[in-house]
């Protein structure tokens, strides 16, 4: 089987990411659904640099702190409105 053109591959992956069913796309383009899933896995499993990992970890901690603070504020507002 000849290789799939890069443009077609990107088109398929774009459609999958926008919500289209893999099985339907596989049938339409004449590609195995396993091939499409392999492309998706490959895109997800690319390694992350230590620097990027550190940035993402820090961002995650900051976001958790924000969610925690907002949760406390929401609870305060709930208690305040119950008193009224």
PDB file of N, CA and C in Angstrom:
ATOM      1  N   UNK A   1       0.853  -1.184   0.000  1.00  0.00           N
ATOM      2  CA  UNK A   1       0.000   0.000   0.000  1.00  0.00           C
ATOM      3  C   UNK A   1       0.889   1.235   0.000  1.00  0.00           C
ATOM      4  N   UNK A   2       0.655   2.149  -0.898  1.00  0.00           N
ATOM      5  CA  UNK A   2       1.488   3.353  -0.935  1.00  0.00           C
ATOM      6  C   UNK A   2       1.212   4.229   0.285  1.00  0.00           C
ATOM      7  N   UNK A   3       2.191   5.061   0.633  1.00  0.00           N
ATOM      8  CA  UNK A   3       2.043   5.940   1.791  1.00  0.00           C
ATOM      9  C   UNK A   3       0.963   6.988   1.576  1.00  0.00           C
ATOM     10  N   UNK A   4       0.480   7.501   2.657  1.00  0.00           N
ATOM     11  CA  UNK A   4      -0.544   8.540   2.612  1.00  0.00           C
ATOM     12  C   UNK A   4       0.147   9.892   2.516  1.00  0.00           C
ATOM     13  N   UNK A   5      -0.300  10.741   1.632  1.00  0.00           N
ATOM     14  CA  UNK A   5       0.276  12.079   1.484  1.00  0.00           C
ATOM     15  C   UNK A   5       0.127  12.851   2.787  1.00  0.00           C
ATOM     16  N   UNK A   6       1.129  13.642   3.106  1.00  0.00           N
ATOM     17  CA  UNK A   6       1.141  14.402   4.353  1.00  0.00           C
ATOM     18  C   UNK A   6      -0.085  15.308   4.485  1.00  0.00           C
ATOM     19  N   UNK A   7      -0.473  15.927   3.399  1.00  0.00           N
ATOM     20  CA  UNK A   7      -1.635  16.805   3.426  1.00  0.00           C
ATOM     21  C   UNK A   7      -2.917  16.065   3.760  1.00  0.00           C
ATOM     22  N   UNK A   8      -3.056  14.871   3.195  1.00  0.00           N
ATOM     23  CA  UNK A   8      -4.244  14.056   3.465  1.00  0.00           C
ATOM     24  C   UNK A   8      -4.235  13.604   4.923  1.00  0.00           C
ATOM     25  N   UNK A   9      -3.069  13.207   5.398  1.00  0.00           N
ATOM     26  CA  UNK A   9      -2.932  12.786   6.795  1.00  0.00           C
ATOM     27  C   UNK A   9      -3.342  13.921   7.730  1.00  0.00           C
ATOM     28  N   UNK A  10      -2.856  15.128   7.468  1.00  0.00           N
ATOM     29  CA  UNK A  10      -3.188  16.278   8.308  1.00  0.00           C
ATOM     30  C   UNK A  10      -4.686  16.598   8.228  1.00  0.00           C
ATOM     31  N   UNK A  11      -5.252  16.439   7.051  1.00  0.00           N
ATOM     32  CA  UNK A  11      -6.688  16.672   6.869  1.00  0.00           C
ATOM     33  C   UNK A  11      -7.498  15.692   7.718  1.00  0.00           C
ATOM     34  N   UNK A  12      -7.108  14.416   7.683  1.00  0.00           N
ATOM     35  CA  UNK A  12      -7.798  13.387   8.470  1.00  0.00           C
ATOM     36  C   UNK A  12      -7.671  13.692   9.954  1.00  0.00           C
ATOM     37  N   UNK A  13      -6.454  13.994  10.407  1.00  0.00           N
ATOM     38  CA  UNK A  13      -6.231  14.274  11.827  1.00  0.00           C
ATOM     39  C   UNK A  13      -7.006  15.514  12.271  1.00  0.00           C
ATOM     40  N   UNK A  14      -7.070  16.499  11.412  1.00  0.00           N
ATOM     41  CA  UNK A  14      -7.844  17.700  11.728  1.00  0.00           C
ATOM     42  C   UNK A  14      -9.321  17.393  11.905  1.00  0.00           C
ATOM     43  N   UNK A  15      -9.840  16.540  11.034  1.00  0.00           N
ATOM     44  CA  UNK A  15     -11.254  16.168  11.125  1.00  0.00           C
ATOM     45  C   UNK A  15     -11.526  15.348  12.376  1.00  0.00           C
ATOM     46  N   UNK A  16     -10.591  14.472  12.733  1.00  0.00           N
ATOM     47  CA  UNK A  16     -10.751  13.679  13.961  1.00  0.00           C
ATOM     48  C   UNK A  16     -10.768  14.617  15.165  1.00  0.00           C
ATOM     49  N   UNK A  17      -9.841  15.560  15.183  1.00  0.00           N
ATOM     50  CA  UNK A  17      -9.760  16.486  16.307  1.00  0.00           C
ATOM     51  C   UNK A  17     -10.965  17.401  16.397  1.00  0.00           C
ATOM     52  N   UNK A  18     -11.643  17.617  15.274  1.00  0.00           N
ATOM     53  CA  UNK A  18     -12.845  18.463  15.300  1.00  0.00           C
ATOM     54  C   UNK A  18     -14.097  17.657  15.638  1.00  0.00           C
ATOM     55  N   UNK A  19     -13.927  16.348  15.852  1.00  0.00           N
ATOM     56  CA  UNK A  19     -15.048  15.554  16.341  1.00  0.00           C
ATOM     57  C   UNK A  19     -15.593  14.489  15.404  1.00  0.00           C
ATOM     58  N   UNK A  20     -15.061  14.387  14.208  1.00  0.00           N
ATOM     59  CA  UNK A  20     -15.580  13.367  13.290  1.00  0.00           C
ATOM     60  C   UNK A  20     -15.131  11.974  13.738  1.00  0.00           C
ATOM     61  N   UNK A  21     -15.934  10.981  13.402  1.00  0.00           N
ATOM     62  CA  UNK A  21     -15.675   9.605  13.800  1.00  0.00           C
ATOM     63  C   UNK A  21     -14.522   9.008  12.994  1.00  0.00           C
ATOM     64  N   UNK A  22     -13.614   8.325  13.709  1.00  0.00           N
ATOM     65  CA  UNK A  22     -12.455   7.703  13.065  1.00  0.00           C
ATOM     66  C   UNK A  22     -12.911   6.655  12.054  1.00  0.00           C
ATOM     67  N   UNK A  23     -13.892   5.844  12.423  1.00  0.00           N
ATOM     68  CA  UNK A  23     -14.345   4.774  11.530  1.00  0.00           C
ATOM     69  C   UNK A  23     -14.856   5.330  10.200  1.00  0.00           C
ATOM     70  N   UNK A  24     -15.634   6.403  10.264  1.00  0.00           N
ATOM     71  CA  UNK A  24     -16.159   7.014   9.042  1.00  0.00           C
ATOM     72  C   UNK A  24     -15.059   7.603   8.175  1.00  0.00           C
ATOM     73  N   UNK A  25     -14.101   8.265   8.807  1.00  0.00           N
ATOM     74  CA  UNK A  25     -12.982   8.842   8.056  1.00  0.00           C
ATOM     75  C   UNK A  25     -12.119   7.757   7.433  1.00  0.00           C
ATOM     76  N   UNK A  26     -11.895   6.682   8.183  1.00  0.00           N
ATOM     77  CA  UNK A  26     -11.092   5.569   7.665  1.00  0.00           C
ATOM     78  C   UNK A  26     -11.733   4.990   6.409  1.00  0.00           C
ATOM     79  N   UNK A  27     -13.031   4.807   6.465  1.00  0.00           N
ATOM     80  CA  UNK A  27     -13.753   4.258   5.313  1.00  0.00           C
ATOM     81  C   UNK A  27     -13.713   5.243   4.146  1.00  0.00           C
ATOM     82  N   UNK A  28     -13.950   6.521   4.423  1.00  0.00           N
ATOM     83  CA  UNK A  28     -13.987   7.544   3.379  1.00  0.00           C
ATOM     84  C   UNK A  28     -12.639   7.672   2.658  1.00  0.00           C
ATOM     85  N   UNK A  29     -11.553   7.656   3.413  1.00  0.00           N
ATOM     86  CA  UNK A  29     -10.225   7.858   2.834  1.00  0.00           C
ATOM     87  C   UNK A  29      -9.519   6.551   2.466  1.00  0.00           C
ATOM     88  N   UNK A  30     -10.126   5.421   2.794  1.00  0.00           N
ATOM     89  CA  UNK A  30      -9.512   4.135   2.479  1.00  0.00           C
ATOM     90  C   UNK A  30      -8.270   3.854   3.314  1.00  0.00           C
ATOM     91  N   UNK A  31      -8.321   4.282   4.567  1.00  0.00           N
ATOM     92  CA  UNK A  31      -7.208   4.096   5.493  1.00  0.00           C
ATOM     93  C   UNK A  31      -7.719   3.265   6.656  1.00  0.00           C
ATOM     94  N   UNK A  32      -6.867   2.428   7.190  1.00  0.00           N
ATOM     95  CA  UNK A  32      -7.247   1.634   8.347  1.00  0.00           C
ATOM     96  C   UNK A  32      -7.481   2.536   9.553  1.00  0.00           C
ATOM     97  N   UNK A  33      -8.494   2.204  10.348  1.00  0.00           N
ATOM     98  CA  UNK A  33      -8.712   2.985  11.567  1.00  0.00           C
ATOM     99  C   UNK A  33      -7.540   2.835  12.525  1.00  0.00           C
ATOM    100  N   UNK A  34      -6.869   1.697  12.486  1.00  0.00           N
ATOM    101  CA  UNK A  34      -5.666   1.496  13.317  1.00  0.00           C
ATOM    102  C   UNK A  34      -4.562   2.473  12.916  1.00  0.00           C
ATOM    103  N   UNK A  35      -4.464   2.746  11.636  1.00  0.00           N
ATOM    104  CA  UNK A  35      -3.465   3.706  11.161  1.00  0.00           C
ATOM    105  C   UNK A  35      -3.759   5.090  11.721  1.00  0.00           C
ATOM    106  N   UNK A  36      -5.010   5.488  11.691  1.00  0.00           N
ATOM    107  CA  UNK A  36      -5.388   6.807  12.213  1.00  0.00           C
ATOM    108  C   UNK A  36      -5.107   6.883  13.700  1.00  0.00           C
ATOM    109  N   UNK A  37      -5.465   5.831  14.445  1.00  0.00           N
ATOM    110  CA  UNK A  37      -5.189   5.824  15.877  1.00  0.00           C
ATOM    111  C   UNK A  37      -3.685   5.863  16.154  1.00  0.00           C
ATOM    112  N   UNK A  38      -2.901   5.212  15.321  1.00  0.00           N
ATOM    113  CA  UNK A  38      -1.439   5.253  15.471  1.00  0.00           C
ATOM    114  C   UNK A  38      -0.921   6.672  15.252  1.00  0.00           C
ATOM    115  N   UNK A  39      -1.458   7.369  14.258  1.00  0.00           N
ATOM    116  CA  UNK A  39      -1.066   8.767  14.025  1.00  0.00           C
ATOM    117  C   UNK A  39      -1.390   9.620  15.239  1.00  0.00           C
ATOM    118  N   UNK A  40      -2.578   9.407  15.804  1.00  0.00           N
ATOM    119  CA  UNK A  40      -2.988  10.173  16.979  1.00  0.00           C
ATOM    120  C   UNK A  40      -2.071   9.884  18.168  1.00  0.00           C
ATOM    121  N   UNK A  41      -1.746   8.607  18.375  1.00  0.00           N
ATOM    122  CA  UNK A  41      -0.843   8.233  19.469  1.00  0.00           C
ATOM    123  C   UNK A  41       0.525   8.855  19.297  1.00  0.00           C
ATOM    124  N   UNK A  42       1.000   8.845  18.074  1.00  0.00           N
ATOM    125  CA  UNK A  42       2.330   9.398  17.816  1.00  0.00           C
ATOM    126  C   UNK A  42       2.359  10.889  18.135  1.00  0.00           C
ATOM    127  N   UNK A  43       1.307  11.597  17.786  1.00  0.00           N
ATOM    128  CA  UNK A  43       1.232  13.024  18.070  1.00  0.00           C
ATOM    129  C   UNK A  43       1.169  13.310  19.557  1.00  0.00           C
ATOM    130  N   UNK A  44       0.566  12.399  20.306  1.00  0.00           N
ATOM    131  CA  UNK A  44       0.419  12.596  21.746  1.00  0.00           C
ATOM    132  C   UNK A  44       1.678  12.182  22.486  1.00  0.00           C
ATOM    133  N   UNK A  45       2.375  11.193  21.985  1.00  0.00           N
ATOM    134  CA  UNK A  45       3.494  10.635  22.737  1.00  0.00           C
ATOM    135  C   UNK A  45       4.831  11.320  22.469  1.00  0.00           C
ATOM    136  N   UNK A  46       4.832  12.423  21.728  1.00  0.00           N
ATOM    137  CA  UNK A  46       6.087  13.142  21.535  1.00  0.00           C
ATOM    138  C   UNK A  46       6.620  13.581  22.892  1.00  0.00           C
ATOM    139  N   UNK A  47       7.933  13.493  23.046  1.00  0.00           N
ATOM    140  CA  UNK A  47       8.520  13.804  24.352  1.00  0.00           C
ATOM    141  C   UNK A  47       8.465  15.306  24.633  1.00  0.00           C
ATOM    142  N   UNK A  48       8.458  15.633  25.916  1.00  0.00           N
ATOM    143  CA  UNK A  48       8.402  17.015  26.366  1.00  0.00           C
ATOM    144  C   UNK A  48       9.753  17.332  27.003  1.00  0.00           C
ATOM    145  N   UNK A  49      10.281  18.512  26.701  1.00  0.00           N
ATOM    146  CA  UNK A  49      11.563  18.901  27.278  1.00  0.00           C
ATOM    147  C   UNK A  49      11.399  19.159  28.771  1.00  0.00           C
ATOM    148  N   UNK A  50      12.492  19.076  29.510  1.00  0.00           N
ATOM    149  CA  UNK A  50      12.470  19.317  30.954  1.00  0.00           C
ATOM    150  C   UNK A  50      12.008  20.745  31.250  1.00  0.00           C
ATOM    151  N   UNK A  51      12.415  21.678  30.419  1.00  0.00           N
ATOM    152  CA  UNK A  51      12.012  23.073  30.603  1.00  0.00           C
ATOM    153  C   UNK A  51      10.495  23.222  30.444  1.00  0.00           C
ATOM    154  N   UNK A  52       9.964  22.637  29.383  1.00  0.00           N
ATOM    155  CA  UNK A  52       8.526  22.716  29.145  1.00  0.00           C
ATOM    156  C   UNK A  52       7.763  22.014  30.269  1.00  0.00           C
ATOM    157  N   UNK A  53       8.278  20.881  30.734  1.00  0.00           N
ATOM    158  CA  UNK A  53       7.647  20.152  31.828  1.00  0.00           C
ATOM    159  C   UNK A  53       7.592  21.028  33.085  1.00  0.00           C
ATOM    160  N   UNK A  54       8.688  21.688  33.378  1.00  0.00           N
ATOM    161  CA  UNK A  54       8.738  22.568  34.542  1.00  0.00           C
ATOM    162  C   UNK A  54       7.744  23.708  34.439  1.00  0.00           C
ATOM    163  N   UNK A  55       7.656  24.302  33.260  1.00  0.00           N
ATOM    164  CA  UNK A  55       6.697  25.394  33.050  1.00  0.00           C
ATOM    165  C   UNK A  55       5.259  24.906  33.233  1.00  0.00           C
ATOM    166  N   UNK A  56       4.959  23.743  32.674  1.00  0.00           N
ATOM    167  CA  UNK A  56       3.609  23.200  32.786  1.00  0.00           C
ATOM    168  C   UNK A  56       3.278  22.836  34.233  1.00  0.00           C
ATOM    169  N   UNK A  57       4.247  22.317  34.938  1.00  0.00           N
ATOM    170  CA  UNK A  57       4.037  21.961  36.344  1.00  0.00           C
ATOM    171  C   UNK A  57       3.755  23.220  37.177  1.00  0.00           C
ATOM    172  N   UNK A  58       4.539  24.265  36.941  1.00  0.00           N
ATOM    173  CA  UNK A  58       4.335  25.520  37.657  1.00  0.00           C
ATOM    174  C   UNK A  58       2.961  26.107  37.328  1.00  0.00           C
ATOM    175  N   UNK A  59       2.610  26.101  36.049  1.00  0.00           N
ATOM    176  CA  UNK A  59       1.310  26.616  35.630  1.00  0.00           C
ATOM    177  C   UNK A  59       0.183  25.836  36.296  1.00  0.00           C
ATOM    178  N   UNK A  60       0.341  24.528  36.384  1.00  0.00           N
ATOM    179  CA  UNK A  60      -0.654  23.680  37.017  1.00  0.00           C
ATOM    180  C   UNK A  60      -0.834  24.069  38.484  1.00  0.00           C
ATOM    181  N   UNK A  61       0.255  24.295  39.194  1.00  0.00           N
ATOM    182  CA  UNK A  61       0.179  24.693  40.597  1.00  0.00           C
ATOM    183  C   UNK A  61      -0.520  26.041  40.756  1.00  0.00           C
ATOM    184  N   UNK A  62      -0.188  26.989  39.901  1.00  0.00           N
ATOM    185  CA  UNK A  62      -0.823  28.314  39.959  1.00  0.00           C
ATOM    186  C   UNK A  62      -2.328  28.186  39.705  1.00  0.00           C
ATOM    187  N   UNK A  63      -2.701  27.401  38.724  1.00  0.00           N
ATOM    188  CA  UNK A  63      -4.118  27.217  38.417  1.00  0.00           C
ATOM    189  C   UNK A  63      -4.855  26.548  39.576  1.00  0.00           C
ATOM    190  N   UNK A  64      -4.220  25.591  40.239  1.00  0.00           N
ATOM    191  CA  UNK A  64      -4.838  24.948  41.398  1.00  0.00           C
ATOM    192  C   UNK A  64      -5.055  25.954  42.517  1.00  0.00           C
ATOM    193  N   UNK A  65      -4.087  26.841  42.716  1.00  0.00           N
ATOM    194  CA  UNK A  65      -4.235  27.877  43.744  1.00  0.00           C
ATOM    195  C   UNK A  65      -5.401  28.810  43.413  1.00  0.00           C
ATOM    196  N   UNK A  66      -5.527  29.167  42.144  1.00  0.00           N
ATOM    197  CA  UNK A  66      -6.626  30.039  41.712  1.00  0.00           C
ATOM    198  C   UNK A  66      -7.968  29.349  41.938  1.00  0.00           C
ATOM    199  N   UNK A  67      -8.052  28.079  41.555  1.00  0.00           N
ATOM    200  CA  UNK A  67      -9.300  27.335  41.744  1.00  0.00           C
ATOM    201  C   UNK A  67      -9.631  27.241  43.229  1.00  0.00           C
ATOM    202  N   UNK A  68      -8.626  27.011  44.052  1.00  0.00           N
ATOM    203  CA  UNK A  68      -8.854  26.943  45.491  1.00  0.00           C
ATOM    204  C   UNK A  68      -9.384  28.257  46.039  1.00  0.00           C
ATOM    205  N   UNK A  69      -8.764  29.363  45.640  1.00  0.00           N
ATOM    206  CA  UNK A  69      -9.204  30.680  46.109  1.00  0.00           C
ATOM    207  C   UNK A  69     -10.622  30.981  45.635  1.00  0.00           C
ATOM    208  N   UNK A  70     -10.929  30.655  44.400  1.00  0.00           N
ATOM    209  CA  UNK A  70     -12.279  30.886  43.877  1.00  0.00           C
ATOM    210  C   UNK A  70     -13.308  30.016  44.590  1.00  0.00           C
ATOM    211  N   UNK A  71     -12.934  28.808  44.921  1.00  0.00           N
ATOM    212  CA  UNK A  71     -13.834  27.917  45.638  1.00  0.00           C
ATOM    213  C   UNK A  71     -14.175  28.490  47.008  1.00  0.00           C
ATOM    214  N   UNK A  72     -13.172  29.014  47.698  1.00  0.00           N
ATOM    215  CA  UNK A  72     -13.395  29.640  48.999  1.00  0.00           C
ATOM    216  C   UNK A  72     -14.337  30.833  48.850  1.00  0.00           C
ATOM    217  N   UNK A  73     -14.120  31.654  47.839  1.00  0.00           N
ATOM    218  CA  UNK A  73     -14.973  32.824  47.610  1.00  0.00           C
ATOM    219  C   UNK A  73     -16.415  32.416  47.312  1.00  0.00           C
ATOM    220  N   UNK A  74     -16.598  31.384  46.532  1.00  0.00           N
ATOM    221  CA  UNK A  74     -17.944  30.911  46.209  1.00  0.00           C
ATOM    222  C   UNK A  74     -18.644  30.437  47.477  1.00  0.00           C
ATOM    223  N   UNK A  75     -17.926  29.702  48.311  1.00  0.00           N
ATOM    224  CA  UNK A  75     -18.519  29.221  49.563  1.00  0.00           C
ATOM    225  C   UNK A  75     -18.904  30.390  50.465  1.00  0.00           C
ATOM    226  N   UNK A  76     -18.080  31.424  50.519  1.00  0.00           N
ATOM    227  CA  UNK A  76     -18.404  32.613  51.316  1.00  0.00           C
ATOM    228  C   UNK A  76     -19.682  33.270  50.801  1.00  0.00           C
ATOM    229  N   UNK A  77     -19.784  33.393  49.476  1.00  0.00           N
ATOM    230  CA  UNK A  77     -20.983  34.003  48.876  1.00  0.00           C
ATOM    231  C   UNK A  77     -22.230  33.171  49.150  1.00  0.00           C
ATOM    232  N   UNK A  78     -22.092  31.854  49.107  1.00  0.00           N
ATOM    233  CA  UNK A  78     -23.237  30.986  49.389  1.00  0.00           C
ATOM    234  C   UNK A  78     -23.725  31.200  50.822  1.00  0.00           C
ATOM    235  N   UNK A  79     -22.777  31.261  51.757  1.00  0.00           N
ATOM    236  CA  UNK A  79     -23.146  31.460  53.167  1.00  0.00           C
ATOM    237  C   UNK A  79     -23.788  32.825  53.364  1.00  0.00           C
ATOM    238  N   UNK A  80     -23.241  33.829  52.676  1.00  0.00           N
ATOM    239  CA  UNK A  80     -23.760  35.196  52.798  1.00  0.00           C
ATOM    240  C   UNK A  80     -25.202  35.262  52.277  1.00  0.00           C
ATOM    241  N   UNK A  81     -25.481  34.631  51.151  1.00  0.00           N
ATOM    242  CA  UNK A  81     -26.826  34.679  50.565  1.00  0.00           C
ATOM    243  C   UNK A  81     -27.807  33.864  51.383  1.00  0.00           C
ATOM    244  N   UNK A  82     -27.354  32.831  52.092  1.00  0.00           N
ATOM    245  CA  UNK A  82     -28.240  32.051  52.954  1.00  0.00           C
ATOM    246  C   UNK A  82     -28.726  32.875  54.140  1.00  0.00           C
ATOM    247  N   UNK A  83     -27.854  33.772  54.597  1.00  0.00           N
ATOM    248  CA  UNK A  83     -28.199  34.619  55.756  1.00  0.00           C
ATOM    249  C   UNK A  83     -29.265  35.649  55.402  1.00  0.00           C
ATOM    250  N   UNK A  84     -29.310  36.007  54.141  1.00  0.00           N
ATOM    251  CA  UNK A  84     -30.270  37.046  53.713  1.00  0.00           C
ATOM    252  C   UNK A  84     -31.617  36.478  53.604  1.00  0.00           C
TER     253      UNK A  84
END
